N, C-alpha and C. Protein backbone atom coordinates (compact mmCIF):
# COMPACT_ATOMS: atom_id res chain seq x y z
N MET A 1 7.57 15.61 -2.01
CA MET A 1 6.25 15.17 -1.61
C MET A 1 5.30 15.13 -2.80
N ARG A 2 5.44 16.10 -3.67
CA ARG A 2 4.60 16.13 -4.86
C ARG A 2 4.71 14.82 -5.64
N ASP A 3 5.94 14.35 -5.81
CA ASP A 3 6.16 13.11 -6.56
C ASP A 3 5.60 11.89 -5.83
N MET A 4 5.67 11.90 -4.50
CA MET A 4 5.11 10.79 -3.73
C MET A 4 3.59 10.71 -3.93
N PHE A 5 2.93 11.86 -3.88
CA PHE A 5 1.49 11.88 -4.11
C PHE A 5 1.16 11.50 -5.55
N HIS A 6 2.01 11.87 -6.48
CA HIS A 6 1.82 11.46 -7.88
C HIS A 6 1.86 9.93 -7.99
N LEU A 7 2.82 9.32 -7.31
CA LEU A 7 2.94 7.87 -7.32
C LEU A 7 1.71 7.20 -6.71
N LEU A 8 1.23 7.71 -5.58
CA LEU A 8 0.03 7.16 -4.95
C LEU A 8 -1.18 7.26 -5.89
N THR A 9 -1.28 8.38 -6.58
CA THR A 9 -2.39 8.59 -7.51
C THR A 9 -2.28 7.63 -8.70
N ASP A 10 -1.09 7.52 -9.26
CA ASP A 10 -0.88 6.62 -10.41
C ASP A 10 -1.18 5.16 -10.06
N MET A 11 -0.89 4.77 -8.83
CA MET A 11 -1.11 3.38 -8.43
C MET A 11 -2.56 3.13 -8.00
N GLY A 12 -3.36 4.20 -7.94
CA GLY A 12 -4.78 4.05 -7.61
C GLY A 12 -5.07 3.75 -6.16
N PHE A 13 -4.13 4.10 -5.27
CA PHE A 13 -4.33 3.82 -3.85
C PHE A 13 -5.35 4.77 -3.22
N ASP A 14 -6.15 4.24 -2.31
CA ASP A 14 -6.91 5.05 -1.37
C ASP A 14 -6.04 5.17 -0.14
N TYR A 15 -6.03 6.32 0.50
CA TYR A 15 -5.14 6.48 1.65
C TYR A 15 -5.71 7.47 2.66
N ILE A 16 -5.28 7.28 3.89
CA ILE A 16 -5.57 8.21 4.98
C ILE A 16 -4.23 8.59 5.58
N MET A 17 -4.00 9.89 5.72
CA MET A 17 -2.74 10.37 6.29
C MET A 17 -3.05 11.40 7.36
N THR A 18 -2.17 11.49 8.32
CA THR A 18 -2.28 12.53 9.34
C THR A 18 -1.00 13.35 9.36
N SER A 19 -1.17 14.65 9.51
CA SER A 19 -0.01 15.54 9.58
C SER A 19 -0.48 16.90 10.08
N GLN A 20 0.41 17.58 10.76
CA GLN A 20 0.10 18.94 11.19
C GLN A 20 0.40 19.94 10.08
N VAL A 21 1.25 19.57 9.13
CA VAL A 21 1.66 20.53 8.11
C VAL A 21 1.43 20.06 6.68
N LEU A 22 1.24 18.78 6.46
CA LEU A 22 1.09 18.23 5.11
C LEU A 22 -0.38 18.16 4.74
N TRP A 23 -0.77 18.85 3.68
CA TRP A 23 -2.17 18.88 3.25
C TRP A 23 -2.42 17.98 2.05
N GLY A 24 -1.42 17.69 1.26
CA GLY A 24 -1.60 16.86 0.07
C GLY A 24 -2.12 17.61 -1.13
N CYS A 25 -2.08 18.92 -1.07
CA CYS A 25 -2.61 19.75 -2.17
C CYS A 25 -1.51 19.99 -3.20
N TYR A 26 -1.40 19.05 -4.11
CA TYR A 26 -0.39 19.14 -5.17
C TYR A 26 -1.09 18.99 -6.51
N ASP A 27 -0.49 19.56 -7.54
CA ASP A 27 -1.09 19.49 -8.87
C ASP A 27 -1.15 18.06 -9.41
N THR A 28 -0.43 17.15 -8.79
CA THR A 28 -0.45 15.74 -9.21
C THR A 28 -1.60 14.96 -8.59
N VAL A 29 -2.35 15.60 -7.71
CA VAL A 29 -3.49 14.97 -7.05
C VAL A 29 -4.77 15.59 -7.62
N PRO A 30 -5.58 14.83 -8.34
CA PRO A 30 -6.76 15.41 -8.98
C PRO A 30 -7.89 15.79 -8.02
N SER A 31 -8.03 15.08 -6.91
CA SER A 31 -9.06 15.42 -5.92
C SER A 31 -8.70 14.78 -4.59
N LEU A 32 -9.17 15.43 -3.53
CA LEU A 32 -8.82 14.98 -2.19
C LEU A 32 -9.83 15.53 -1.20
N ALA A 33 -10.24 14.72 -0.24
CA ALA A 33 -11.07 15.18 0.87
C ALA A 33 -10.13 15.40 2.05
N ILE A 34 -10.24 16.56 2.69
CA ILE A 34 -9.34 16.94 3.78
C ILE A 34 -10.18 17.34 4.99
N TYR A 35 -9.79 16.84 6.14
CA TYR A 35 -10.42 17.26 7.39
C TYR A 35 -9.35 17.83 8.30
N GLU A 36 -9.58 19.04 8.79
CA GLU A 36 -8.69 19.67 9.75
C GLU A 36 -9.37 19.60 11.11
N ILE A 37 -8.66 19.09 12.09
CA ILE A 37 -9.17 19.05 13.46
C ILE A 37 -8.57 20.25 14.19
N TYR A 38 -9.43 21.15 14.61
CA TYR A 38 -8.98 22.39 15.23
C TYR A 38 -9.35 22.38 16.71
N ARG A 39 -8.34 22.59 17.53
CA ARG A 39 -8.54 22.63 18.98
C ARG A 39 -7.83 23.86 19.54
N PRO A 40 -8.55 24.97 19.70
CA PRO A 40 -7.90 26.20 20.15
C PRO A 40 -7.55 26.17 21.63
N LYS A 41 -6.35 26.54 21.92
CA LYS A 41 -5.86 26.73 23.31
C LYS A 41 -6.15 25.55 24.21
N ASP A 42 -6.06 24.34 23.68
CA ASP A 42 -6.21 23.11 24.47
C ASP A 42 -7.50 23.05 25.29
N ILE A 43 -8.59 23.55 24.72
CA ILE A 43 -9.87 23.41 25.41
C ILE A 43 -10.41 22.00 25.17
N ASP A 44 -11.51 21.66 25.80
CA ASP A 44 -12.05 20.30 25.74
C ASP A 44 -12.94 20.05 24.52
N VAL A 45 -12.91 20.93 23.55
CA VAL A 45 -13.76 20.80 22.37
C VAL A 45 -12.90 20.88 21.12
N VAL A 46 -13.24 20.09 20.12
CA VAL A 46 -12.57 20.21 18.82
C VAL A 46 -13.61 20.57 17.76
N THR A 47 -13.15 21.24 16.73
CA THR A 47 -13.99 21.59 15.59
C THR A 47 -13.38 20.95 14.36
N LEU A 48 -14.23 20.38 13.51
CA LEU A 48 -13.76 19.80 12.25
C LEU A 48 -14.05 20.76 11.11
N PHE A 49 -13.04 21.00 10.29
CA PHE A 49 -13.21 21.77 9.06
C PHE A 49 -13.01 20.80 7.90
N HIS A 50 -13.94 20.79 6.97
CA HIS A 50 -13.90 19.90 5.82
C HIS A 50 -13.54 20.71 4.58
N TYR A 51 -12.52 20.26 3.87
CA TYR A 51 -12.08 20.90 2.64
C TYR A 51 -12.10 19.89 1.51
N ARG A 52 -12.18 20.38 0.30
CA ARG A 52 -12.02 19.57 -0.91
C ARG A 52 -10.90 20.19 -1.74
N TRP A 53 -9.99 19.36 -2.17
CA TRP A 53 -8.96 19.76 -3.12
C TRP A 53 -9.45 19.32 -4.49
N ASN A 54 -9.50 20.24 -5.44
CA ASN A 54 -10.04 19.92 -6.77
C ASN A 54 -8.94 19.81 -7.83
N GLY A 55 -7.71 19.69 -7.40
CA GLY A 55 -6.59 19.63 -8.33
C GLY A 55 -5.94 20.98 -8.56
N GLU A 56 -6.64 22.04 -8.15
CA GLU A 56 -6.12 23.40 -8.31
C GLU A 56 -6.24 24.24 -7.04
N ARG A 57 -7.33 24.03 -6.30
CA ARG A 57 -7.59 24.86 -5.11
C ARG A 57 -8.14 24.01 -3.99
N ARG A 58 -7.82 24.41 -2.76
CA ARG A 58 -8.44 23.82 -1.57
C ARG A 58 -9.62 24.71 -1.21
N VAL A 59 -10.81 24.10 -1.14
CA VAL A 59 -12.04 24.85 -0.91
C VAL A 59 -12.71 24.34 0.35
N LEU A 60 -13.10 25.26 1.24
CA LEU A 60 -13.84 24.90 2.44
C LEU A 60 -15.23 24.43 2.05
N VAL A 61 -15.63 23.28 2.57
CA VAL A 61 -16.97 22.74 2.31
C VAL A 61 -17.88 23.25 3.42
N GLU A 62 -18.85 24.05 3.03
CA GLU A 62 -19.80 24.59 4.00
C GLU A 62 -21.12 23.84 3.86
N LYS A 63 -21.69 23.50 4.99
CA LYS A 63 -22.94 22.71 4.96
C LYS A 63 -24.14 23.60 4.93
């Protein structure tokens, strides 16, 4: 997966991906905006968590 993200970065693609387990946080990706949709116990409400990947760490963006 690391190499796939490296290829996407080298080609200059913008992309949107969805996954329950894939975050895209690899050293080959210099920056990334990540949104986690959290729905506890199948209730009728979802919460969005916004993260930024800076090439080294995934950081929660707090407003």
